[in-house]
Amino acid sequence: MNKYRDLYLKDINKDLIGKTITVSGWVNRSRDHGNLLFIDLRDSTSLLQCV
């Protein structure tokens, strides 16, 4: 695709477990639960929650 992303968020699935991918988008929401930080990353196609 380009140097900022390998896939759109809608294309991420279980087949990619264990692989390294590059995604890009904007932070839609972040939540800090002490030792755990949740980031909702959004692009034009979907939403991805990062922990």
N, C-alpha and C. Protein backbone atom coordinates (compact mmCIF):
# COMPACT_ATOMS: atom_id res chain seq x y z
N MET A 1 0.83 -1.19 0.00
CA MET A 1 0.00 0.00 0.00
C MET A 1 0.87 1.25 0.00
N ASN A 2 1.39 1.60 1.18
CA ASN A 2 2.31 2.72 1.27
C ASN A 2 3.19 2.52 2.50
N LYS A 3 4.05 3.48 2.78
CA LYS A 3 4.99 3.29 3.89
C LYS A 3 4.33 3.43 5.26
N TYR A 4 3.09 3.91 5.33
CA TYR A 4 2.42 4.09 6.60
C TYR A 4 1.48 2.96 6.97
N ARG A 5 1.11 2.10 6.02
CA ARG A 5 0.19 1.01 6.33
C ARG A 5 0.40 -0.16 5.39
N ASP A 6 0.21 -1.35 5.95
CA ASP A 6 0.21 -2.57 5.15
C ASP A 6 -1.21 -2.96 4.77
N LEU A 7 -2.14 -2.67 5.67
CA LEU A 7 -3.54 -3.08 5.50
C LEU A 7 -4.47 -1.98 6.00
N TYR A 8 -5.68 -1.98 5.48
CA TYR A 8 -6.72 -1.18 6.10
C TYR A 8 -7.22 -1.96 7.32
N LEU A 9 -7.79 -1.27 8.29
CA LEU A 9 -8.24 -1.93 9.51
C LEU A 9 -9.30 -2.98 9.23
N LYS A 10 -10.12 -2.79 8.22
CA LYS A 10 -11.17 -3.77 7.91
C LYS A 10 -10.60 -5.09 7.42
N ASP A 11 -9.34 -5.10 6.98
CA ASP A 11 -8.72 -6.30 6.44
C ASP A 11 -7.97 -7.13 7.48
N ILE A 12 -7.95 -6.70 8.74
CA ILE A 12 -7.26 -7.43 9.80
C ILE A 12 -8.16 -8.57 10.26
N ASN A 13 -7.58 -9.78 10.33
CA ASN A 13 -8.34 -10.95 10.77
C ASN A 13 -7.43 -11.92 11.51
N LYS A 14 -7.97 -13.08 11.88
CA LYS A 14 -7.23 -14.07 12.67
C LYS A 14 -6.06 -14.67 11.91
N ASP A 15 -6.05 -14.60 10.60
CA ASP A 15 -4.94 -15.15 9.82
C ASP A 15 -3.64 -14.39 10.05
N LEU A 16 -3.72 -13.21 10.61
CA LEU A 16 -2.53 -12.36 10.82
C LEU A 16 -1.92 -12.52 12.21
N ILE A 17 -2.48 -13.42 13.04
CA ILE A 17 -1.94 -13.62 14.39
C ILE A 17 -0.49 -14.06 14.29
N GLY A 18 0.37 -13.40 15.04
CA GLY A 18 1.80 -13.71 15.05
C GLY A 18 2.61 -12.95 14.02
N LYS A 19 1.96 -12.23 13.12
CA LYS A 19 2.66 -11.45 12.10
C LYS A 19 2.74 -9.98 12.53
N THR A 20 3.73 -9.30 12.02
CA THR A 20 3.88 -7.86 12.28
C THR A 20 3.29 -7.10 11.10
N ILE A 21 2.37 -6.19 11.41
CA ILE A 21 1.76 -5.36 10.37
C ILE A 21 1.89 -3.90 10.77
N THR A 22 1.73 -3.02 9.82
CA THR A 22 1.76 -1.58 10.06
C THR A 22 0.39 -1.02 9.70
N VAL A 23 -0.21 -0.30 10.65
CA VAL A 23 -1.50 0.33 10.42
C VAL A 23 -1.37 1.82 10.69
N SER A 24 -2.29 2.59 10.13
CA SER A 24 -2.29 4.02 10.41
C SER A 24 -3.73 4.50 10.51
N GLY A 25 -3.90 5.59 11.20
CA GLY A 25 -5.21 6.17 11.41
C GLY A 25 -5.10 7.25 12.47
N TRP A 26 -6.20 7.52 13.13
CA TRP A 26 -6.17 8.51 14.19
C TRP A 26 -6.75 7.89 15.45
N VAL A 27 -6.36 8.44 16.60
CA VAL A 27 -6.86 7.95 17.89
C VAL A 27 -8.28 8.45 18.05
N ASN A 28 -9.22 7.52 18.06
CA ASN A 28 -10.62 7.86 18.23
C ASN A 28 -10.93 8.06 19.72
N ARG A 29 -10.32 7.21 20.56
CA ARG A 29 -10.56 7.28 22.00
C ARG A 29 -9.43 6.55 22.70
N SER A 30 -9.04 7.04 23.88
CA SER A 30 -8.06 6.32 24.69
C SER A 30 -8.57 6.26 26.13
N ARG A 31 -8.29 5.12 26.77
CA ARG A 31 -8.72 4.92 28.15
C ARG A 31 -7.54 4.36 28.93
N ASP A 32 -7.25 4.96 30.07
CA ASP A 32 -6.15 4.53 30.92
C ASP A 32 -6.73 3.87 32.16
N HIS A 33 -6.45 2.58 32.32
CA HIS A 33 -6.94 1.82 33.48
C HIS A 33 -5.77 1.42 34.37
N GLY A 34 -4.97 2.38 34.75
CA GLY A 34 -3.82 2.10 35.61
C GLY A 34 -2.69 1.46 34.83
N ASN A 35 -2.56 0.14 34.95
CA ASN A 35 -1.48 -0.57 34.25
C ASN A 35 -1.85 -0.93 32.82
N LEU A 36 -3.05 -0.61 32.39
CA LEU A 36 -3.54 -1.01 31.07
C LEU A 36 -4.03 0.21 30.31
N LEU A 37 -3.58 0.38 29.07
CA LEU A 37 -3.99 1.50 28.24
C LEU A 37 -4.68 0.96 27.00
N PHE A 38 -5.91 1.40 26.76
CA PHE A 38 -6.67 1.00 25.58
C PHE A 38 -6.70 2.18 24.62
N ILE A 39 -6.38 1.93 23.36
CA ILE A 39 -6.42 2.96 22.33
C ILE A 39 -7.30 2.45 21.20
N ASP A 40 -8.33 3.21 20.83
CA ASP A 40 -9.17 2.89 19.69
C ASP A 40 -8.63 3.65 18.49
N LEU A 41 -8.04 2.91 17.56
CA LEU A 41 -7.47 3.49 16.35
C LEU A 41 -8.49 3.37 15.23
N ARG A 42 -8.73 4.46 14.52
CA ARG A 42 -9.75 4.47 13.46
C ARG A 42 -9.12 4.93 12.16
N ASP A 43 -9.53 4.29 11.06
CA ASP A 43 -9.21 4.80 9.75
C ASP A 43 -10.53 4.96 8.99
N SER A 44 -10.48 5.17 7.70
CA SER A 44 -11.71 5.45 6.94
C SER A 44 -12.59 4.21 6.79
N THR A 45 -12.08 3.02 7.18
CA THR A 45 -12.84 1.80 6.97
C THR A 45 -13.35 1.14 8.23
N SER A 46 -12.66 1.29 9.36
CA SER A 46 -13.02 0.52 10.54
C SER A 46 -12.36 1.07 11.80
N LEU A 47 -12.43 0.28 12.87
CA LEU A 47 -11.91 0.63 14.19
C LEU A 47 -11.11 -0.53 14.72
N LEU A 48 -9.97 -0.26 15.38
CA LEU A 48 -9.11 -1.28 15.96
C LEU A 48 -8.80 -0.89 17.39
N GLN A 49 -9.00 -1.82 18.33
CA GLN A 49 -8.66 -1.54 19.71
C GLN A 49 -7.28 -2.11 20.00
N CYS A 50 -6.38 -1.26 20.45
CA CYS A 50 -5.01 -1.67 20.81
C CYS A 50 -4.90 -1.66 22.32
N VAL A 51 -4.24 -2.66 22.87
CA VAL A 51 -4.08 -2.75 24.33
C VAL A 51 -2.60 -2.66 24.63
